[in-house]
mmCIF file of all heavy atoms, coordinates in Angstrom:
data_MODEL
# 
_entry.id   MODEL 
# 
loop_
_atom_site.group_PDB 
_atom_site.id 
_atom_site.type_symbol 
_atom_site.label_atom_id 
_atom_site.label_alt_id 
_atom_site.label_comp_id 
_atom_site.label_asym_id 
_atom_site.label_entity_id 
_atom_site.label_seq_id 
_atom_site.pdbx_PDB_ins_code 
_atom_site.Cartn_x 
_atom_site.Cartn_y 
_atom_site.Cartn_z 
_atom_site.occupancy 
_atom_site.B_iso_or_equiv 
_atom_site.pdbx_formal_charge 
_atom_site.auth_seq_id 
_atom_site.auth_comp_id 
_atom_site.auth_asym_id 
_atom_site.auth_atom_id 
_atom_site.pdbx_PDB_model_num 
ATOM 1   N N   . THR A 1 1  ? 21.666  9.197  -8.087  1.00 0.00 ? 1  THR A N   1 
ATOM 2   C CA  . THR A 1 1  ? 20.964  10.419 -8.463  1.00 0.00 ? 1  THR A CA  1 
ATOM 3   C C   . THR A 1 1  ? 19.481  10.143 -8.616  1.00 0.00 ? 1  THR A C   1 
ATOM 4   O O   . THR A 1 1  ? 19.078  9.100  -9.173  1.00 0.00 ? 1  THR A O   1 
ATOM 5   C CB  . THR A 1 1  ? 21.491  10.968 -9.804  1.00 0.00 ? 1  THR A CB  1 
ATOM 6   O OG1 . THR A 1 1  ? 22.922  11.149 -9.713  1.00 0.00 ? 1  THR A OG1 1 
ATOM 7   C CG2 . THR A 1 1  ? 20.861  12.338 -10.135 1.00 0.00 ? 1  THR A CG2 1 
ATOM 8   N N   . THR A 1 2  ? 18.650  11.058 -8.134  1.00 0.00 ? 2  THR A N   1 
ATOM 9   C CA  . THR A 1 2  ? 17.204  10.866 -8.219  1.00 0.00 ? 2  THR A CA  1 
ATOM 10  C C   . THR A 1 2  ? 16.534  12.035 -8.939  1.00 0.00 ? 2  THR A C   1 
ATOM 11  O O   . THR A 1 2  ? 17.089  13.123 -9.038  1.00 0.00 ? 2  THR A O   1 
ATOM 12  C CB  . THR A 1 2  ? 16.559  10.740 -6.817  1.00 0.00 ? 2  THR A CB  1 
ATOM 13  O OG1 . THR A 1 2  ? 16.805  11.942 -6.067  1.00 0.00 ? 2  THR A OG1 1 
ATOM 14  C CG2 . THR A 1 2  ? 17.134  9.545  -6.077  1.00 0.00 ? 2  THR A CG2 1 
ATOM 15  N N   . GLY A 1 3  ? 15.342  11.792 -9.419  1.00 0.00 ? 3  GLY A N   1 
ATOM 16  C CA  . GLY A 1 3  ? 14.496  12.803 -9.987  1.00 0.00 ? 3  GLY A CA  1 
ATOM 17  C C   . GLY A 1 3  ? 13.063  12.500 -9.658  1.00 0.00 ? 3  GLY A C   1 
ATOM 18  O O   . GLY A 1 3  ? 12.657  11.337 -9.576  1.00 0.00 ? 3  GLY A O   1 
ATOM 19  N N   . VAL A 1 4  ? 12.271  13.546 -9.398  1.00 0.00 ? 4  VAL A N   1 
ATOM 20  C CA  . VAL A 1 4  ? 10.895  13.362 -8.948  1.00 0.00 ? 4  VAL A CA  1 
ATOM 21  C C   . VAL A 1 4  ? 9.951   14.146 -9.851  1.00 0.00 ? 4  VAL A C   1 
ATOM 22  O O   . VAL A 1 4  ? 10.239  15.292 -10.239 1.00 0.00 ? 4  VAL A O   1 
ATOM 23  C CB  . VAL A 1 4  ? 10.695  13.811 -7.477  1.00 0.00 ? 4  VAL A CB  1 
ATOM 24  C CG1 . VAL A 1 4  ? 9.243   13.742 -7.041  1.00 0.00 ? 4  VAL A CG1 1 
ATOM 25  C CG2 . VAL A 1 4  ? 11.567  12.970 -6.562  1.00 0.00 ? 4  VAL A CG2 1 
ATOM 26  N N   . GLY A 1 5  ? 8.816   13.511 -10.186 1.00 0.00 ? 5  GLY A N   1 
ATOM 27  C CA  . GLY A 1 5  ? 7.742   14.175 -10.955 1.00 0.00 ? 5  GLY A CA  1 
ATOM 28  C C   . GLY A 1 5  ? 6.441   14.017 -10.232 1.00 0.00 ? 5  GLY A C   1 
ATOM 29  O O   . GLY A 1 5  ? 6.262   13.106 -9.414  1.00 0.00 ? 5  GLY A O   1 
ATOM 30  N N   . GLU A 1 6  ? 5.513   14.905 -10.550 1.00 0.00 ? 6  GLU A N   1 
ATOM 31  C CA  . GLU A 1 6  ? 4.225   14.950 -9.857  1.00 0.00 ? 6  GLU A CA  1 
ATOM 32  C C   . GLU A 1 6  ? 3.079   14.506 -10.783 1.00 0.00 ? 6  GLU A C   1 
ATOM 33  O O   . GLU A 1 6  ? 2.996   15.009 -11.911 1.00 0.00 ? 6  GLU A O   1 
ATOM 34  C CB  . GLU A 1 6  ? 3.961   16.388 -9.368  1.00 0.00 ? 6  GLU A CB  1 
ATOM 35  C CG  . GLU A 1 6  ? 2.661   16.606 -8.652  1.00 0.00 ? 6  GLU A CG  1 
ATOM 36  C CD  . GLU A 1 6  ? 2.494   18.075 -8.224  1.00 0.00 ? 6  GLU A CD  1 
ATOM 37  O OE1 . GLU A 1 6  ? 3.148   18.458 -7.250  1.00 0.00 ? 6  GLU A OE1 1 
ATOM 38  O OE2 . GLU A 1 6  ? 1.732   18.785 -8.907  1.00 0.00 ? 6  GLU A OE2 1 
ATOM 39  N N   . ILE A 1 7  ? 2.269   13.592 -10.320 1.00 0.00 ? 7  ILE A N   1 
ATOM 40  C CA  . ILE A 1 7  ? 1.000   13.244 -10.977 1.00 0.00 ? 7  ILE A CA  1 
ATOM 41  C C   . ILE A 1 7  ? -0.028  14.171 -10.363 1.00 0.00 ? 7  ILE A C   1 
ATOM 42  O O   . ILE A 1 7  ? -0.506  13.952 -9.246  1.00 0.00 ? 7  ILE A O   1 
ATOM 43  C CB  . ILE A 1 7  ? 0.638   11.763 -10.768 1.00 0.00 ? 7  ILE A CB  1 
ATOM 44  C CG1 . ILE A 1 7  ? 1.805   10.857 -11.135 1.00 0.00 ? 7  ILE A CG1 1 
ATOM 45  C CG2 . ILE A 1 7  ? -0.594  11.394 -11.597 1.00 0.00 ? 7  ILE A CG2 1 
ATOM 46  C CD1 . ILE A 1 7  ? 1.606   9.390  -10.789 1.00 0.00 ? 7  ILE A CD1 1 
ATOM 47  N N   . SER A 1 8  ? -0.411  15.227 -11.084 1.00 0.00 ? 8  SER A N   1 
ATOM 48  C CA  . SER A 1 8  ? -1.069  16.387 -10.478 1.00 0.00 ? 8  SER A CA  1 
ATOM 49  C C   . SER A 1 8  ? -2.580  16.251 -10.431 1.00 0.00 ? 8  SER A C   1 
ATOM 50  O O   . SER A 1 8  ? -3.230  15.922 -11.439 1.00 0.00 ? 8  SER A O   1 
ATOM 51  C CB  . SER A 1 8  ? -0.703  17.635 -11.261 1.00 0.00 ? 8  SER A CB  1 
ATOM 52  O OG  . SER A 1 8  ? 0.678   17.891 -11.221 1.00 0.00 ? 8  SER A OG  1 
ATOM 53  N N   . ASP A 1 9  ? -3.159  16.510 -9.250  1.00 0.00 ? 9  ASP A N   1 
ATOM 54  C CA  . ASP A 1 9  ? -4.601  16.697 -9.088  1.00 0.00 ? 9  ASP A CA  1 
ATOM 55  C C   . ASP A 1 9  ? -5.393  15.631 -9.830  1.00 0.00 ? 9  ASP A C   1 
ATOM 56  O O   . ASP A 1 9  ? -6.159  15.916 -10.762 1.00 0.00 ? 9  ASP A O   1 
ATOM 57  C CB  . ASP A 1 9  ? -4.996  18.122 -9.552  1.00 0.00 ? 9  ASP A CB  1 
ATOM 58  C CG  . ASP A 1 9  ? -6.406  18.491 -9.095  1.00 0.00 ? 9  ASP A CG  1 
ATOM 59  O OD1 . ASP A 1 9  ? -6.946  17.823 -8.211  1.00 0.00 ? 9  ASP A OD1 1 
ATOM 60  O OD2 . ASP A 1 9  ? -6.962  19.468 -9.644  1.00 0.00 ? 9  ASP A OD2 1 
ATOM 61  N N   . ILE A 1 10 ? -5.233  14.380 -9.389  1.00 0.00 ? 10 ILE A N   1 
ATOM 62  C CA  . ILE A 1 10 ? -5.810  13.224 -10.096 1.00 0.00 ? 10 ILE A CA  1 
ATOM 63  C C   . ILE A 1 10 ? -7.359  13.346 -10.103 1.00 0.00 ? 10 ILE A C   1 
ATOM 64  O O   . ILE A 1 10 ? -7.974  13.527 -9.076  1.00 0.00 ? 10 ILE A O   1 
ATOM 65  C CB  . ILE A 1 10 ? -5.361  11.922 -9.410  1.00 0.00 ? 10 ILE A CB  1 
ATOM 66  C CG1 . ILE A 1 10 ? -3.811  11.815 -9.526  1.00 0.00 ? 10 ILE A CG1 1 
ATOM 67  C CG2 . ILE A 1 10 ? -6.037  10.717 -10.009 1.00 0.00 ? 10 ILE A CG2 1 
ATOM 68  C CD1 . ILE A 1 10 ? -3.211  10.772 -8.606  1.00 0.00 ? 10 ILE A CD1 1 
ATOM 69  N N   . GLU A 1 11 ? -7.917  13.257 -11.316 1.00 0.00 ? 11 GLU A N   1 
ATOM 70  C CA  . GLU A 1 11 ? -9.338  13.520 -11.490 1.00 0.00 ? 11 GLU A CA  1 
ATOM 71  C C   . GLU A 1 11 ? -10.235 12.497 -10.811 1.00 0.00 ? 11 GLU A C   1 
ATOM 72  O O   . GLU A 1 11 ? -11.268 12.878 -10.220 1.00 0.00 ? 11 GLU A O   1 
ATOM 73  C CB  . GLU A 1 11 ? -9.667  13.583 -12.997 1.00 0.00 ? 11 GLU A CB  1 
ATOM 74  C CG  . GLU A 1 11 ? -8.992  14.710 -13.733 1.00 0.00 ? 11 GLU A CG  1 
ATOM 75  C CD  . GLU A 1 11 ? -9.653  16.048 -13.511 1.00 0.00 ? 11 GLU A CD  1 
ATOM 76  O OE1 . GLU A 1 11 ? -10.787 16.071 -13.010 1.00 0.00 ? 11 GLU A OE1 1 
ATOM 77  O OE2 . GLU A 1 11 ? -9.020  17.074 -13.831 1.00 0.00 ? 11 GLU A OE2 1 
ATOM 78  N N   . ASP A 1 12 ? -9.901  11.238 -10.913 1.00 0.00 ? 12 ASP A N   1 
ATOM 79  C CA  . ASP A 1 12 ? -10.775 10.185 -10.397 1.00 0.00 ? 12 ASP A CA  1 
ATOM 80  C C   . ASP A 1 12 ? -9.930  9.213  -9.550  1.00 0.00 ? 12 ASP A C   1 
ATOM 81  O O   . ASP A 1 12 ? -9.617  8.110  -10.014 1.00 0.00 ? 12 ASP A O   1 
ATOM 82  C CB  . ASP A 1 12 ? -11.460 9.447  -11.548 1.00 0.00 ? 12 ASP A CB  1 
ATOM 83  C CG  . ASP A 1 12 ? -12.501 8.449  -11.087 1.00 0.00 ? 12 ASP A CG  1 
ATOM 84  O OD1 . ASP A 1 12 ? -12.825 8.438  -9.893  1.00 0.00 ? 12 ASP A OD1 1 
ATOM 85  O OD2 . ASP A 1 12 ? -12.989 7.662  -11.937 1.00 0.00 ? 12 ASP A OD2 1 
ATOM 86  N N   . PRO A 1 13 ? -9.615  9.595  -8.326  1.00 0.00 ? 13 PRO A N   1 
ATOM 87  C CA  . PRO A 1 13 ? -8.714  8.767  -7.497  1.00 0.00 ? 13 PRO A CA  1 
ATOM 88  C C   . PRO A 1 13 ? -9.249  7.352  -7.261  1.00 0.00 ? 13 PRO A C   1 
ATOM 89  O O   . PRO A 1 13 ? -8.464  6.424  -7.074  1.00 0.00 ? 13 PRO A O   1 
ATOM 90  C CB  . PRO A 1 13 ? -8.610  9.569  -6.177  1.00 0.00 ? 13 PRO A CB  1 
ATOM 91  C CG  . PRO A 1 13 ? -8.972  10.935 -6.546  1.00 0.00 ? 13 PRO A CG  1 
ATOM 92  C CD  . PRO A 1 13 ? -9.988  10.846 -7.632  1.00 0.00 ? 13 PRO A CD  1 
ATOM 93  N N   . GLU A 1 14 ? -10.572 7.199  -7.220  1.00 0.00 ? 14 GLU A N   1 
ATOM 94  C CA  . GLU A 1 14 ? -11.158 5.905  -6.905  1.00 0.00 ? 14 GLU A CA  1 
ATOM 95  C C   . GLU A 1 14 ? -10.834 4.864  -7.964  1.00 0.00 ? 14 GLU A C   1 
ATOM 96  O O   . GLU A 1 14 ? -10.802 3.666  -7.690  1.00 0.00 ? 14 GLU A O   1 
ATOM 97  C CB  . GLU A 1 14 ? -12.660 6.023  -6.729  1.00 0.00 ? 14 GLU A CB  1 
ATOM 98  C CG  . GLU A 1 14 ? -13.099 6.936  -5.605  1.00 0.00 ? 14 GLU A CG  1 
ATOM 99  C CD  . GLU A 1 14 ? -12.561 6.474  -4.246  1.00 0.00 ? 14 GLU A CD  1 
ATOM 100 O OE1 . GLU A 1 14 ? -12.545 5.263  -3.991  1.00 0.00 ? 14 GLU A OE1 1 
ATOM 101 O OE2 . GLU A 1 14 ? -12.092 7.341  -3.473  1.00 0.00 ? 14 GLU A OE2 1 
ATOM 102 N N   . SER A 1 15 ? -10.635 5.299  -9.202  1.00 0.00 ? 15 SER A N   1 
ATOM 103 C CA  . SER A 1 15 ? -10.409 4.331  -10.282 1.00 0.00 ? 15 SER A CA  1 
ATOM 104 C C   . SER A 1 15 ? -8.968  4.270  -10.758 1.00 0.00 ? 15 SER A C   1 
ATOM 105 O O   . SER A 1 15 ? -8.667  3.498  -11.673 1.00 0.00 ? 15 SER A O   1 
ATOM 106 C CB  . SER A 1 15 ? -11.304 4.684  -11.474 1.00 0.00 ? 15 SER A CB  1 
ATOM 107 O OG  . SER A 1 15 ? -10.948 5.946  -12.011 1.00 0.00 ? 15 SER A OG  1 
ATOM 108 N N   . MET A 1 16 ? -8.080  5.060  -10.127 1.00 0.00 ? 16 MET A N   1 
ATOM 109 C CA  . MET A 1 16 ? -6.688  5.059  -10.607 1.00 0.00 ? 16 MET A CA  1 
ATOM 110 C C   . MET A 1 16 ? -5.995  3.772  -10.218 1.00 0.00 ? 16 MET A C   1 
ATOM 111 O O   . MET A 1 16 ? -6.363  3.125  -9.197  1.00 0.00 ? 16 MET A O   1 
ATOM 112 C CB  . MET A 1 16 ? -5.943  6.255  -10.027 1.00 0.00 ? 16 MET A CB  1 
ATOM 113 C CG  . MET A 1 16 ? -5.635  6.163  -8.586  1.00 0.00 ? 16 MET A CG  1 
ATOM 114 S SD  . MET A 1 16 ? -4.797  7.658  -7.973  1.00 0.00 ? 16 MET A SD  1 
ATOM 115 C CE  . MET A 1 16 ? -4.403  7.153  -6.300  1.00 0.00 ? 16 MET A CE  1 
ATOM 116 N N   . PRO A 1 17 ? -4.955  3.376  -10.948 1.00 0.00 ? 17 PRO A N   1 
ATOM 117 C CA  . PRO A 1 17 ? -4.185  2.180  -10.590 1.00 0.00 ? 17 PRO A CA  1 
ATOM 118 C C   . PRO A 1 17 ? -3.485  2.333  -9.242  1.00 0.00 ? 17 PRO A C   1 
ATOM 119 O O   . PRO A 1 17 ? -3.165  3.469  -8.841  1.00 0.00 ? 17 PRO A O   1 
ATOM 120 C CB  . PRO A 1 17 ? -3.192  2.041  -11.735 1.00 0.00 ? 17 PRO A CB  1 
ATOM 121 C CG  . PRO A 1 17 ? -3.684  2.894  -12.834 1.00 0.00 ? 17 PRO A CG  1 
ATOM 122 C CD  . PRO A 1 17 ? -4.470  3.985  -12.189 1.00 0.00 ? 17 PRO A CD  1 
ATOM 123 N N   . ALA A 1 18 ? -3.227  1.247  -8.573  1.00 0.00 ? 18 ALA A N   1 
ATOM 124 C CA  . ALA A 1 18 ? -2.466  1.276  -7.319  1.00 0.00 ? 18 ALA A CA  1 
ATOM 125 C C   . ALA A 1 18 ? -1.017  1.723  -7.604  1.00 0.00 ? 18 ALA A C   1 
ATOM 126 O O   . ALA A 1 18 ? -0.515  1.576  -8.722  1.00 0.00 ? 18 ALA A O   1 
ATOM 127 C CB  . ALA A 1 18 ? -2.477  -0.086 -6.655  1.00 0.00 ? 18 ALA A CB  1 
ATOM 128 N N   . ALA A 1 19 ? -0.386  2.264  -6.556  1.00 0.00 ? 19 ALA A N   1 
ATOM 129 C CA  . ALA A 1 19 ? 0.988   2.725  -6.713  1.00 0.00 ? 19 ALA A CA  1 
ATOM 130 C C   . ALA A 1 19 ? 1.886   1.615  -7.230  1.00 0.00 ? 19 ALA A C   1 
ATOM 131 O O   . ALA A 1 19 ? 2.769   1.848  -8.078  1.00 0.00 ? 19 ALA A O   1 
ATOM 132 C CB  . ALA A 1 19 ? 1.496   3.251  -5.361  1.00 0.00 ? 19 ALA A CB  1 
ATOM 133 N N   . ALA A 1 20 ? 1.691   0.394  -6.755  1.00 0.00 ? 20 ALA A N   1 
ATOM 134 C CA  . ALA A 1 20 ? 2.545   -0.715 -7.177  1.00 0.00 ? 20 ALA A CA  1 
ATOM 135 C C   . ALA A 1 20 ? 2.368   -1.019 -8.652  1.00 0.00 ? 20 ALA A C   1 
ATOM 136 O O   . ALA A 1 20 ? 3.345   -1.394 -9.335  1.00 0.00 ? 20 ALA A O   1 
ATOM 137 C CB  . ALA A 1 20 ? 2.211   -1.981 -6.359  1.00 0.00 ? 20 ALA A CB  1 
ATOM 138 N N   . VAL A 1 21 ? 1.192   -0.850 -9.174  1.00 0.00 ? 21 VAL A N   1 
ATOM 139 C CA  . VAL A 1 21 ? 0.928   -1.037 -10.615 1.00 0.00 ? 21 VAL A CA  1 
ATOM 140 C C   . VAL A 1 21 ? 1.672   -0.002 -11.445 1.00 0.00 ? 21 VAL A C   1 
ATOM 141 O O   . VAL A 1 21 ? 2.263   -0.302 -12.453 1.00 0.00 ? 21 VAL A O   1 
ATOM 142 C CB  . VAL A 1 21 ? -0.583  -1.011 -10.909 1.00 0.00 ? 21 VAL A CB  1 
ATOM 143 C CG1 . VAL A 1 21 ? -0.857  -1.068 -12.410 1.00 0.00 ? 21 VAL A CG1 1 
ATOM 144 C CG2 . VAL A 1 21 ? -1.292  -2.172 -10.189 1.00 0.00 ? 21 VAL A CG2 1 
ATOM 145 N N   . VAL A 1 22 ? 1.616   1.263  -10.968 1.00 0.00 ? 22 VAL A N   1 
ATOM 146 C CA  . VAL A 1 22 ? 2.322   2.337  -11.665 1.00 0.00 ? 22 VAL A CA  1 
ATOM 147 C C   . VAL A 1 22 ? 3.812   2.071  -11.648 1.00 0.00 ? 22 VAL A C   1 
ATOM 148 O O   . VAL A 1 22 ? 4.516   2.232  -12.659 1.00 0.00 ? 22 VAL A O   1 
ATOM 149 C CB  . VAL A 1 22 ? 1.969   3.710  -11.049 1.00 0.00 ? 22 VAL A CB  1 
ATOM 150 C CG1 . VAL A 1 22 ? 2.713   4.832  -11.790 1.00 0.00 ? 22 VAL A CG1 1 
ATOM 151 C CG2 . VAL A 1 22 ? 0.469   3.965  -11.081 1.00 0.00 ? 22 VAL A CG2 1 
ATOM 152 N N   . GLU A 1 23 ? 4.332   1.691  -10.465 1.00 0.00 ? 23 GLU A N   1 
ATOM 153 C CA  . GLU A 1 23 ? 5.774   1.395  -10.369 1.00 0.00 ? 23 GLU A CA  1 
ATOM 154 C C   . GLU A 1 23 ? 6.180   0.304  -11.347 1.00 0.00 ? 23 GLU A C   1 
ATOM 155 O O   . GLU A 1 23 ? 7.227   0.415  -12.021 1.00 0.00 ? 23 GLU A O   1 
ATOM 156 C CB  . GLU A 1 23 ? 6.082   0.950  -8.944  1.00 0.00 ? 23 GLU A CB  1 
ATOM 157 C CG  . GLU A 1 23 ? 6.008   2.069  -7.924  1.00 0.00 ? 23 GLU A CG  1 
ATOM 158 C CD  . GLU A 1 23 ? 6.141   1.580  -6.510  1.00 0.00 ? 23 GLU A CD  1 
ATOM 159 O OE1 . GLU A 1 23 ? 6.045   0.341  -6.277  1.00 0.00 ? 23 GLU A OE1 1 
ATOM 160 O OE2 . GLU A 1 23 ? 6.326   2.426  -5.591  1.00 0.00 ? 23 GLU A OE2 1 
ATOM 161 N N   . GLU A 1 24 ? 5.371   -0.726 -11.448 1.00 0.00 ? 24 GLU A N   1 
ATOM 162 C CA  . GLU A 1 24 ? 5.703   -1.844 -12.330 1.00 0.00 ? 24 GLU A CA  1 
ATOM 163 C C   . GLU A 1 24 ? 5.664   -1.418 -13.798 1.00 0.00 ? 24 GLU A C   1 
ATOM 164 O O   . GLU A 1 24 ? 6.558   -1.741 -14.591 1.00 0.00 ? 24 GLU A O   1 
ATOM 165 C CB  . GLU A 1 24 ? 4.750   -3.030 -12.102 1.00 0.00 ? 24 GLU A CB  1 
ATOM 166 C CG  . GLU A 1 24 ? 5.065   -4.234 -12.954 1.00 0.00 ? 24 GLU A CG  1 
ATOM 167 C CD  . GLU A 1 24 ? 4.160   -5.403 -12.669 1.00 0.00 ? 24 GLU A CD  1 
ATOM 168 O OE1 . GLU A 1 24 ? 3.286   -5.302 -11.783 1.00 0.00 ? 24 GLU A OE1 1 
ATOM 169 O OE2 . GLU A 1 24 ? 4.311   -6.476 -13.332 1.00 0.00 ? 24 GLU A OE2 1 
ATOM 170 N N   . GLU A 1 25 ? 4.602   -0.678 -14.171 1.00 0.00 ? 25 GLU A N   1 
ATOM 171 C CA  . GLU A 1 25 ? 4.428   -0.282 -15.584 1.00 0.00 ? 25 GLU A CA  1 
ATOM 172 C C   . GLU A 1 25 ? 5.518   0.709  -16.008 1.00 0.00 ? 25 GLU A C   1 
ATOM 173 O O   . GLU A 1 25 ? 6.142   0.531  -17.072 1.00 0.00 ? 25 GLU A O   1 
ATOM 174 C CB  . GLU A 1 25 ? 3.056   0.344  -15.777 1.00 0.00 ? 25 GLU A CB  1 
ATOM 175 C CG  . GLU A 1 25 ? 2.719   0.752  -17.198 1.00 0.00 ? 25 GLU A CG  1 
ATOM 176 C CD  . GLU A 1 25 ? 2.584   -0.403 -18.149 1.00 0.00 ? 25 GLU A CD  1 
ATOM 177 O OE1 . GLU A 1 25 ? 2.464   -1.564 -17.680 1.00 0.00 ? 25 GLU A OE1 1 
ATOM 178 O OE2 . GLU A 1 25 ? 2.622   -0.181 -19.386 1.00 0.00 ? 25 GLU A OE2 1 
ATOM 179 N N   . VAL A 1 26 ? 5.761   1.718  -15.207 1.00 0.00 ? 26 VAL A N   1 
ATOM 180 C CA  . VAL A 1 26 ? 6.814   2.685  -15.552 1.00 0.00 ? 26 VAL A CA  1 
ATOM 181 C C   . VAL A 1 26 ? 8.202   2.024  -15.445 1.00 0.00 ? 26 VAL A C   1 
ATOM 182 O O   . VAL A 1 26 ? 9.068   2.255  -16.291 1.00 0.00 ? 26 VAL A O   1 
ATOM 183 C CB  . VAL A 1 26 ? 6.723   3.928  -14.655 1.00 0.00 ? 26 VAL A CB  1 
ATOM 184 C CG1 . VAL A 1 26 ? 7.874   4.882  -14.914 1.00 0.00 ? 26 VAL A CG1 1 
ATOM 185 C CG2 . VAL A 1 26 ? 5.385   4.625  -14.862 1.00 0.00 ? 26 VAL A CG2 1 
ATOM 186 N N   . GLY A 1 27 ? 8.387   1.195  -14.419 1.00 0.00 ? 27 GLY A N   1 
ATOM 187 C CA  . GLY A 1 27 ? 9.671   0.527  -14.239 1.00 0.00 ? 27 GLY A CA  1 
ATOM 188 C C   . GLY A 1 27 ? 10.028  -0.384 -15.377 1.00 0.00 ? 27 GLY A C   1 
ATOM 189 O O   . GLY A 1 27 ? 11.187  -0.469 -15.794 1.00 0.00 ? 27 GLY A O   1 
ATOM 190 N N   . SER A 1 28 ? 9.029   -1.109 -15.911 1.00 0.00 ? 28 SER A N   1 
ATOM 191 C CA  . SER A 1 28 ? 9.317   -2.035 -17.022 1.00 0.00 ? 28 SER A CA  1 
ATOM 192 C C   . SER A 1 28 ? 9.792   -1.286 -18.267 1.00 0.00 ? 28 SER A C   1 
ATOM 193 O O   . SER A 1 28 ? 10.504  -1.840 -19.084 1.00 0.00 ? 28 SER A O   1 
ATOM 194 C CB  . SER A 1 28 ? 8.052   -2.857 -17.344 1.00 0.00 ? 28 SER A CB  1 
ATOM 195 O OG  . SER A 1 28 ? 7.021   -2.042 -17.845 1.00 0.00 ? 28 SER A OG  1 
ATOM 196 N N   . PHE A 1 29 ? 9.396   -0.020 -18.374 1.00 0.00 ? 29 PHE A N   1 
ATOM 197 C CA  . PHE A 1 29 ? 9.838   0.804  -19.515 1.00 0.00 ? 29 PHE A CA  1 
ATOM 198 C C   . PHE A 1 29 ? 11.172  1.461  -19.244 1.00 0.00 ? 29 PHE A C   1 
ATOM 199 O O   . PHE A 1 29 ? 12.067  1.507  -20.107 1.00 0.00 ? 29 PHE A O   1 
ATOM 200 C CB  . PHE A 1 29 ? 8.775   1.859  -19.806 1.00 0.00 ? 29 PHE A CB  1 
ATOM 201 C CG  . PHE A 1 29 ? 9.200   2.921  -20.781 1.00 0.00 ? 29 PHE A CG  1 
ATOM 202 C CD1 . PHE A 1 29 ? 9.544   2.572  -22.100 1.00 0.00 ? 29 PHE A CD1 1 
ATOM 203 C CD2 . PHE A 1 29 ? 9.297   4.241  -20.396 1.00 0.00 ? 29 PHE A CD2 1 
ATOM 204 C CE1 . PHE A 1 29 ? 9.958   3.567  -22.987 1.00 0.00 ? 29 PHE A CE1 1 
ATOM 205 C CE2 . PHE A 1 29 ? 9.705   5.219  -21.286 1.00 0.00 ? 29 PHE A CE2 1 
ATOM 206 C CZ  . PHE A 1 29 ? 10.041  4.866  -22.596 1.00 0.00 ? 29 PHE A CZ  1 
# 
């Protein structure tokens, strides 16, 4: 089973973490 959420209209894309960093941080939790 899957679920999807949206990170909406990111204000400062140049400074946001890479996708892999987000995956690791959210995944560790």
